[in-house]
């Protein structure tokens, strides 16, 4: 069963929140489309129990992760 979040069209890929990072300033996280992108993707697809955990993970990835091409 494919899990999706119900994101009204007017909010899809709109602003969700800004996440502070150690380098380069804050990064904007978008709401997403409910299935494959953004904040709702993280919550639904990866079964994140709460936003504190999600934000810590996202921030760590942005600060310590390596870009890919």
PDB file of N, CA and C in Angstrom:
ATOM      1  N   UNK A   1       0.835  -1.174   0.000  1.00  0.00           N
ATOM      2  CA  UNK A   1       0.000   0.000   0.000  1.00  0.00           C
ATOM      3  C   UNK A   1       0.888   1.249   0.000  1.00  0.00           C
ATOM      4  N   UNK A   2       0.665   2.120  -0.929  1.00  0.00           N
ATOM      5  CA  UNK A   2       1.429   3.359  -1.039  1.00  0.00           C
ATOM      6  C   UNK A   2       0.832   4.413  -0.121  1.00  0.00           C
ATOM      7  N   UNK A   3       1.679   4.965   0.769  1.00  0.00           N
ATOM      8  CA  UNK A   3       1.207   6.006   1.674  1.00  0.00           C
ATOM      9  C   UNK A   3       1.394   7.371   1.035  1.00  0.00           C
ATOM     10  N   UNK A   4       0.398   8.204   1.174  1.00  0.00           N
ATOM     11  CA  UNK A   4       0.493   9.575   0.674  1.00  0.00           C
ATOM     12  C   UNK A   4      -0.049  10.533   1.723  1.00  0.00           C
ATOM     13  N   UNK A   5       0.358  11.759   1.622  1.00  0.00           N
ATOM     14  CA  UNK A   5      -0.198  12.815   2.467  1.00  0.00           C
ATOM     15  C   UNK A   5      -1.105  13.671   1.608  1.00  0.00           C
ATOM     16  N   UNK A   6      -2.172  14.132   2.176  1.00  0.00           N
ATOM     17  CA  UNK A   6      -3.108  14.975   1.453  1.00  0.00           C
ATOM     18  C   UNK A   6      -2.648  16.424   1.544  1.00  0.00           C
ATOM     19  N   UNK A   7      -2.057  16.913   0.480  1.00  0.00           N
ATOM     20  CA  UNK A   7      -1.555  18.287   0.440  1.00  0.00           C
ATOM     21  C   UNK A   7      -2.404  19.059  -0.567  1.00  0.00           C
ATOM     22  N   UNK A   8      -3.180  20.036  -0.098  1.00  0.00           N
ATOM     23  CA  UNK A   8      -3.994  20.819  -1.024  1.00  0.00           C
ATOM     24  C   UNK A   8      -3.137  21.461  -2.107  1.00  0.00           C
ATOM     25  N   UNK A   9      -3.665  21.554  -3.294  1.00  0.00           N
ATOM     26  CA  UNK A   9      -2.905  22.054  -4.447  1.00  0.00           C
ATOM     27  C   UNK A   9      -2.260  23.410  -4.178  1.00  0.00           C
ATOM     28  N   UNK A  10      -2.966  24.279  -3.448  1.00  0.00           N
ATOM     29  CA  UNK A  10      -2.409  25.618  -3.226  1.00  0.00           C
ATOM     30  C   UNK A  10      -1.192  25.619  -2.295  1.00  0.00           C
ATOM     31  N   UNK A  11      -0.961  24.503  -1.578  1.00  0.00           N
ATOM     32  CA  UNK A  11       0.196  24.419  -0.686  1.00  0.00           C
ATOM     33  C   UNK A  11       1.324  23.571  -1.257  1.00  0.00           C
ATOM     34  N   UNK A  12       1.034  22.788  -2.280  1.00  0.00           N
ATOM     35  CA  UNK A  12       2.049  21.882  -2.819  1.00  0.00           C
ATOM     36  C   UNK A  12       3.294  22.652  -3.230  1.00  0.00           C
ATOM     37  N   UNK A  13       4.406  22.180  -2.734  1.00  0.00           N
ATOM     38  CA  UNK A  13       5.726  22.755  -3.002  1.00  0.00           C
ATOM     39  C   UNK A  13       5.846  24.203  -2.539  1.00  0.00           C
ATOM     40  N   UNK A  14       4.944  24.629  -1.640  1.00  0.00           N
ATOM     41  CA  UNK A  14       5.052  25.949  -1.035  1.00  0.00           C
ATOM     42  C   UNK A  14       5.974  25.920   0.166  1.00  0.00           C
ATOM     43  N   UNK A  15       6.179  27.059   0.768  1.00  0.00           N
ATOM     44  CA  UNK A  15       7.073  27.201   1.908  1.00  0.00           C
ATOM     45  C   UNK A  15       6.564  26.419   3.114  1.00  0.00           C
ATOM     46  N   UNK A  16       7.443  25.648   3.747  1.00  0.00           N
ATOM     47  CA  UNK A  16       7.093  24.931   4.969  1.00  0.00           C
ATOM     48  C   UNK A  16       7.838  25.533   6.164  1.00  0.00           C
ATOM     49  N   UNK A  17       9.158  25.557   6.102  1.00  0.00           N
ATOM     50  CA  UNK A  17       9.947  26.152   7.171  1.00  0.00           C
ATOM     51  C   UNK A  17      11.382  26.345   6.714  1.00  0.00           C
ATOM     52  N   UNK A  18      12.121  27.124   7.475  1.00  0.00           N
ATOM     53  CA  UNK A  18      13.530  27.360   7.207  1.00  0.00           C
ATOM     54  C   UNK A  18      14.340  26.579   8.226  1.00  0.00           C
ATOM     55  N   UNK A  19      15.383  25.885   7.757  1.00  0.00           N
ATOM     56  CA  UNK A  19      16.214  25.066   8.630  1.00  0.00           C
ATOM     57  C   UNK A  19      17.602  25.676   8.718  1.00  0.00           C
ATOM     58  N   UNK A  20      18.069  25.986   9.941  1.00  0.00           N
ATOM     59  CA  UNK A  20      19.410  26.561  10.077  1.00  0.00           C
ATOM     60  C   UNK A  20      20.491  25.536   9.757  1.00  0.00           C
ATOM     61  N   UNK A  21      21.569  25.981   9.150  1.00  0.00           N
ATOM     62  CA  UNK A  21      22.709  25.108   8.885  1.00  0.00           C
ATOM     63  C   UNK A  21      23.973  25.804   9.350  1.00  0.00           C
ATOM     64  N   UNK A  22      25.025  25.026   9.532  1.00  0.00           N
ATOM     65  CA  UNK A  22      26.282  25.580  10.030  1.00  0.00           C
ATOM     66  C   UNK A  22      27.001  26.387   8.960  1.00  0.00           C
ATOM     67  N   UNK A  23      26.764  26.063   7.714  1.00  0.00           N
ATOM     68  CA  UNK A  23      27.413  26.773   6.610  1.00  0.00           C
ATOM     69  C   UNK A  23      26.380  27.224   5.593  1.00  0.00           C
ATOM     70  N   UNK A  24      26.568  28.382   5.050  1.00  0.00           N
ATOM     71  CA  UNK A  24      25.703  28.844   3.967  1.00  0.00           C
ATOM     72  C   UNK A  24      24.364  29.402   4.385  1.00  0.00           C
ATOM     73  N   UNK A  25      24.113  29.532   5.679  1.00  0.00           N
ATOM     74  CA  UNK A  25      22.841  30.094   6.120  1.00  0.00           C
ATOM     75  C   UNK A  25      21.711  29.092   6.085  1.00  0.00           C
ATOM     76  N   UNK A  26      20.501  29.549   6.384  1.00  0.00           N
ATOM     77  CA  UNK A  26      19.355  28.630   6.436  1.00  0.00           C
ATOM     78  C   UNK A  26      18.942  28.129   5.056  1.00  0.00           C
ATOM     79  N   UNK A  27      18.317  26.959   5.049  1.00  0.00           N
ATOM     80  CA  UNK A  27      17.808  26.352   3.817  1.00  0.00           C
ATOM     81  C   UNK A  27      16.304  26.236   3.954  1.00  0.00           C
ATOM     82  N   UNK A  28      15.580  26.576   2.915  1.00  0.00           N
ATOM     83  CA  UNK A  28      14.117  26.513   2.932  1.00  0.00           C
ATOM     84  C   UNK A  28      13.664  25.096   2.604  1.00  0.00           C
ATOM     85  N   UNK A  29      12.771  24.570   3.424  1.00  0.00           N
ATOM     86  CA  UNK A  29      12.159  23.268   3.177  1.00  0.00           C
ATOM     87  C   UNK A  29      10.746  23.516   2.679  1.00  0.00           C
ATOM     88  N   UNK A  30      10.407  22.931   1.538  1.00  0.00           N
ATOM     89  CA  UNK A  30       9.084  23.112   0.951  1.00  0.00           C
ATOM     90  C   UNK A  30       8.112  22.054   1.463  1.00  0.00           C
ATOM     91  N   UNK A  31       6.820  22.336   1.357  1.00  0.00           N
ATOM     92  CA  UNK A  31       5.793  21.400   1.822  1.00  0.00           C
ATOM     93  C   UNK A  31       5.850  20.079   1.065  1.00  0.00           C
ATOM     94  N   UNK A  32       6.015  20.136  -0.228  1.00  0.00           N
ATOM     95  CA  UNK A  32       6.067  18.928  -1.038  1.00  0.00           C
ATOM     96  C   UNK A  32       4.723  18.591  -1.645  1.00  0.00           C
ATOM     97  N   UNK A  33       4.728  17.510  -2.416  1.00  0.00           N
ATOM     98  CA  UNK A  33       3.517  17.149  -3.160  1.00  0.00           C
ATOM     99  C   UNK A  33       2.752  15.990  -2.534  1.00  0.00           C
ATOM    100  N   UNK A  34       3.197  15.507  -1.391  1.00  0.00           N
ATOM    101  CA  UNK A  34       2.471  14.435  -0.702  1.00  0.00           C
ATOM    102  C   UNK A  34       2.978  13.045  -0.962  1.00  0.00           C
ATOM    103  N   UNK A  35       3.821  12.879  -1.981  1.00  0.00           N
ATOM    104  CA  UNK A  35       4.310  11.531  -2.283  1.00  0.00           C
ATOM    105  C   UNK A  35       5.815  11.447  -2.460  1.00  0.00           C
ATOM    106  N   UNK A  36       6.415  12.413  -3.130  1.00  0.00           N
ATOM    107  CA  UNK A  36       7.822  12.225  -3.494  1.00  0.00           C
ATOM    108  C   UNK A  36       8.745  13.364  -3.132  1.00  0.00           C
ATOM    109  N   UNK A  37       8.224  14.505  -2.699  1.00  0.00           N
ATOM    110  CA  UNK A  37       9.112  15.620  -2.410  1.00  0.00           C
ATOM    111  C   UNK A  37       8.712  16.350  -1.143  1.00  0.00           C
ATOM    112  N   UNK A  38       9.685  17.031  -0.563  1.00  0.00           N
ATOM    113  CA  UNK A  38       9.440  17.951   0.528  1.00  0.00           C
ATOM    114  C   UNK A  38       9.146  17.341   1.880  1.00  0.00           C
ATOM    115  N   UNK A  39       8.626  18.203   2.747  1.00  0.00           N
ATOM    116  CA  UNK A  39       8.399  17.844   4.141  1.00  0.00           C
ATOM    117  C   UNK A  39       7.453  16.665   4.296  1.00  0.00           C
ATOM    118  N   UNK A  40       6.367  16.638   3.548  1.00  0.00           N
ATOM    119  CA  UNK A  40       5.422  15.542   3.702  1.00  0.00           C
ATOM    120  C   UNK A  40       6.020  14.220   3.225  1.00  0.00           C
ATOM    121  N   UNK A  41       6.919  14.272   2.257  1.00  0.00           N
ATOM    122  CA  UNK A  41       7.606  13.052   1.816  1.00  0.00           C
ATOM    123  C   UNK A  41       8.412  12.467   2.959  1.00  0.00           C
ATOM    124  N   UNK A  42       9.109  13.319   3.675  1.00  0.00           N
ATOM    125  CA  UNK A  42       9.939  12.853   4.787  1.00  0.00           C
ATOM    126  C   UNK A  42       9.072  12.194   5.857  1.00  0.00           C
ATOM    127  N   UNK A  43       7.982  12.828   6.181  1.00  0.00           N
ATOM    128  CA  UNK A  43       7.101  12.297   7.226  1.00  0.00           C
ATOM    129  C   UNK A  43       6.440  10.996   6.805  1.00  0.00           C
ATOM    130  N   UNK A  44       5.894  10.957   5.604  1.00  0.00           N
ATOM    131  CA  UNK A  44       5.124   9.803   5.152  1.00  0.00           C
ATOM    132  C   UNK A  44       6.010   8.647   4.695  1.00  0.00           C
ATOM    133  N   UNK A  45       6.923   8.919   3.801  1.00  0.00           N
ATOM    134  CA  UNK A  45       7.723   7.859   3.190  1.00  0.00           C
ATOM    135  C   UNK A  45       8.692   7.212   4.176  1.00  0.00           C
ATOM    136  N   UNK A  46       9.250   8.039   5.064  1.00  0.00           N
ATOM    137  CA  UNK A  46      10.283   7.533   5.968  1.00  0.00           C
ATOM    138  C   UNK A  46       9.788   7.313   7.389  1.00  0.00           C
ATOM    139  N   UNK A  47       8.485   7.418   7.595  1.00  0.00           N
ATOM    140  CA  UNK A  47       7.881   7.157   8.907  1.00  0.00           C
ATOM    141  C   UNK A  47       8.579   7.897  10.039  1.00  0.00           C
ATOM    142  N   UNK A  48       8.825   9.189   9.832  1.00  0.00           N
ATOM    143  CA  UNK A  48       9.466  10.001  10.859  1.00  0.00           C
ATOM    144  C   UNK A  48       8.452  10.240  11.984  1.00  0.00           C
ATOM    145  N   UNK A  49       8.814   9.888  13.221  1.00  0.00           N
ATOM    146  CA  UNK A  49       7.838   9.974  14.309  1.00  0.00           C
ATOM    147  C   UNK A  49       7.511  11.395  14.754  1.00  0.00           C
ATOM    148  N   UNK A  50       8.456  12.314  14.600  1.00  0.00           N
ATOM    149  CA  UNK A  50       8.187  13.694  15.006  1.00  0.00           C
ATOM    150  C   UNK A  50       9.137  14.622  14.267  1.00  0.00           C
ATOM    151  N   UNK A  51       8.780  15.900  14.243  1.00  0.00           N
ATOM    152  CA  UNK A  51       9.555  16.846  13.452  1.00  0.00           C
ATOM    153  C   UNK A  51      10.904  17.181  14.059  1.00  0.00           C
ATOM    154  N   UNK A  52      11.079  17.019  15.364  1.00  0.00           N
ATOM    155  CA  UNK A  52      12.403  17.255  15.955  1.00  0.00           C
ATOM    156  C   UNK A  52      13.409  16.281  15.348  1.00  0.00           C
ATOM    157  N   UNK A  53      13.035  15.012  15.235  1.00  0.00           N
ATOM    158  CA  UNK A  53      13.911  14.009  14.623  1.00  0.00           C
ATOM    159  C   UNK A  53      14.175  14.327  13.164  1.00  0.00           C
ATOM    160  N   UNK A  54      13.125  14.711  12.446  1.00  0.00           N
ATOM    161  CA  UNK A  54      13.284  15.016  11.022  1.00  0.00           C
ATOM    162  C   UNK A  54      14.205  16.208  10.813  1.00  0.00           C
ATOM    163  N   UNK A  55      14.010  17.267  11.593  1.00  0.00           N
ATOM    164  CA  UNK A  55      14.833  18.462  11.431  1.00  0.00           C
ATOM    165  C   UNK A  55      16.294  18.191  11.761  1.00  0.00           C
ATOM    166  N   UNK A  56      16.540  17.406  12.800  1.00  0.00           N
ATOM    167  CA  UNK A  56      17.923  17.050  13.131  1.00  0.00           C
ATOM    168  C   UNK A  56      18.581  16.290  11.989  1.00  0.00           C
ATOM    169  N   UNK A  57      17.865  15.353  11.411  1.00  0.00           N
ATOM    170  CA  UNK A  57      18.393  14.551  10.310  1.00  0.00           C
ATOM    171  C   UNK A  57      18.656  15.415   9.080  1.00  0.00           C
ATOM    172  N   UNK A  58      17.705  16.274   8.738  1.00  0.00           N
ATOM    173  CA  UNK A  58      17.862  17.143   7.568  1.00  0.00           C
ATOM    174  C   UNK A  58      19.047  18.083   7.760  1.00  0.00           C
ATOM    175  N   UNK A  59      19.128  18.682   8.934  1.00  0.00           N
ATOM    176  CA  UNK A  59      20.225  19.614   9.198  1.00  0.00           C
ATOM    177  C   UNK A  59      21.572  18.911   9.133  1.00  0.00           C
ATOM    178  N   UNK A  60      21.674  17.716   9.712  1.00  0.00           N
ATOM    179  CA  UNK A  60      22.926  16.956   9.648  1.00  0.00           C
ATOM    180  C   UNK A  60      23.317  16.633   8.213  1.00  0.00           C
ATOM    181  N   UNK A  61      22.327  16.262   7.407  1.00  0.00           N
ATOM    182  CA  UNK A  61      22.610  15.949   6.006  1.00  0.00           C
ATOM    183  C   UNK A  61      23.099  17.180   5.255  1.00  0.00           C
ATOM    184  N   UNK A  62      22.509  18.335   5.540  1.00  0.00           N
ATOM    185  CA  UNK A  62      22.900  19.555   4.847  1.00  0.00           C
ATOM    186  C   UNK A  62      24.283  20.032   5.278  1.00  0.00           C
ATOM    187  N   UNK A  63      24.590  19.864   6.547  1.00  0.00           N
ATOM    188  CA  UNK A  63      25.870  20.352   7.071  1.00  0.00           C
ATOM    189  C   UNK A  63      27.009  19.390   6.752  1.00  0.00           C
ATOM    190  N   UNK A  64      26.760  18.098   6.930  1.00  0.00           N
ATOM    191  CA  UNK A  64      27.841  17.105   6.819  1.00  0.00           C
ATOM    192  C   UNK A  64      27.814  16.284   5.545  1.00  0.00           C
ATOM    193  N   UNK A  65      26.694  16.329   4.812  1.00  0.00           N
ATOM    194  CA  UNK A  65      26.577  15.523   3.611  1.00  0.00           C
ATOM    195  C   UNK A  65      27.419  16.037   2.464  1.00  0.00           C
ATOM    196  N   UNK A  66      27.668  15.180   1.510  1.00  0.00           N
ATOM    197  CA  UNK A  66      28.433  15.536   0.322  1.00  0.00           C
ATOM    198  C   UNK A  66      27.484  15.670  -0.864  1.00  0.00           C
ATOM    199  N   UNK A  67      27.640  16.737  -1.636  1.00  0.00           N
ATOM    200  CA  UNK A  67      26.771  16.887  -2.817  1.00  0.00           C
ATOM    201  C   UNK A  67      27.037  15.801  -3.857  1.00  0.00           C
ATOM    202  N   UNK A  68      26.010  15.451  -4.597  1.00  0.00           N
ATOM    203  CA  UNK A  68      26.151  14.475  -5.687  1.00  0.00           C
ATOM    204  C   UNK A  68      25.744  15.145  -6.998  1.00  0.00           C
ATOM    205  N   UNK A  69      26.204  14.561  -8.089  1.00  0.00           N
ATOM    206  CA  UNK A  69      25.858  15.100  -9.395  1.00  0.00           C
ATOM    207  C   UNK A  69      24.976  14.154 -10.151  1.00  0.00           C
TER     208      UNK A  69
END
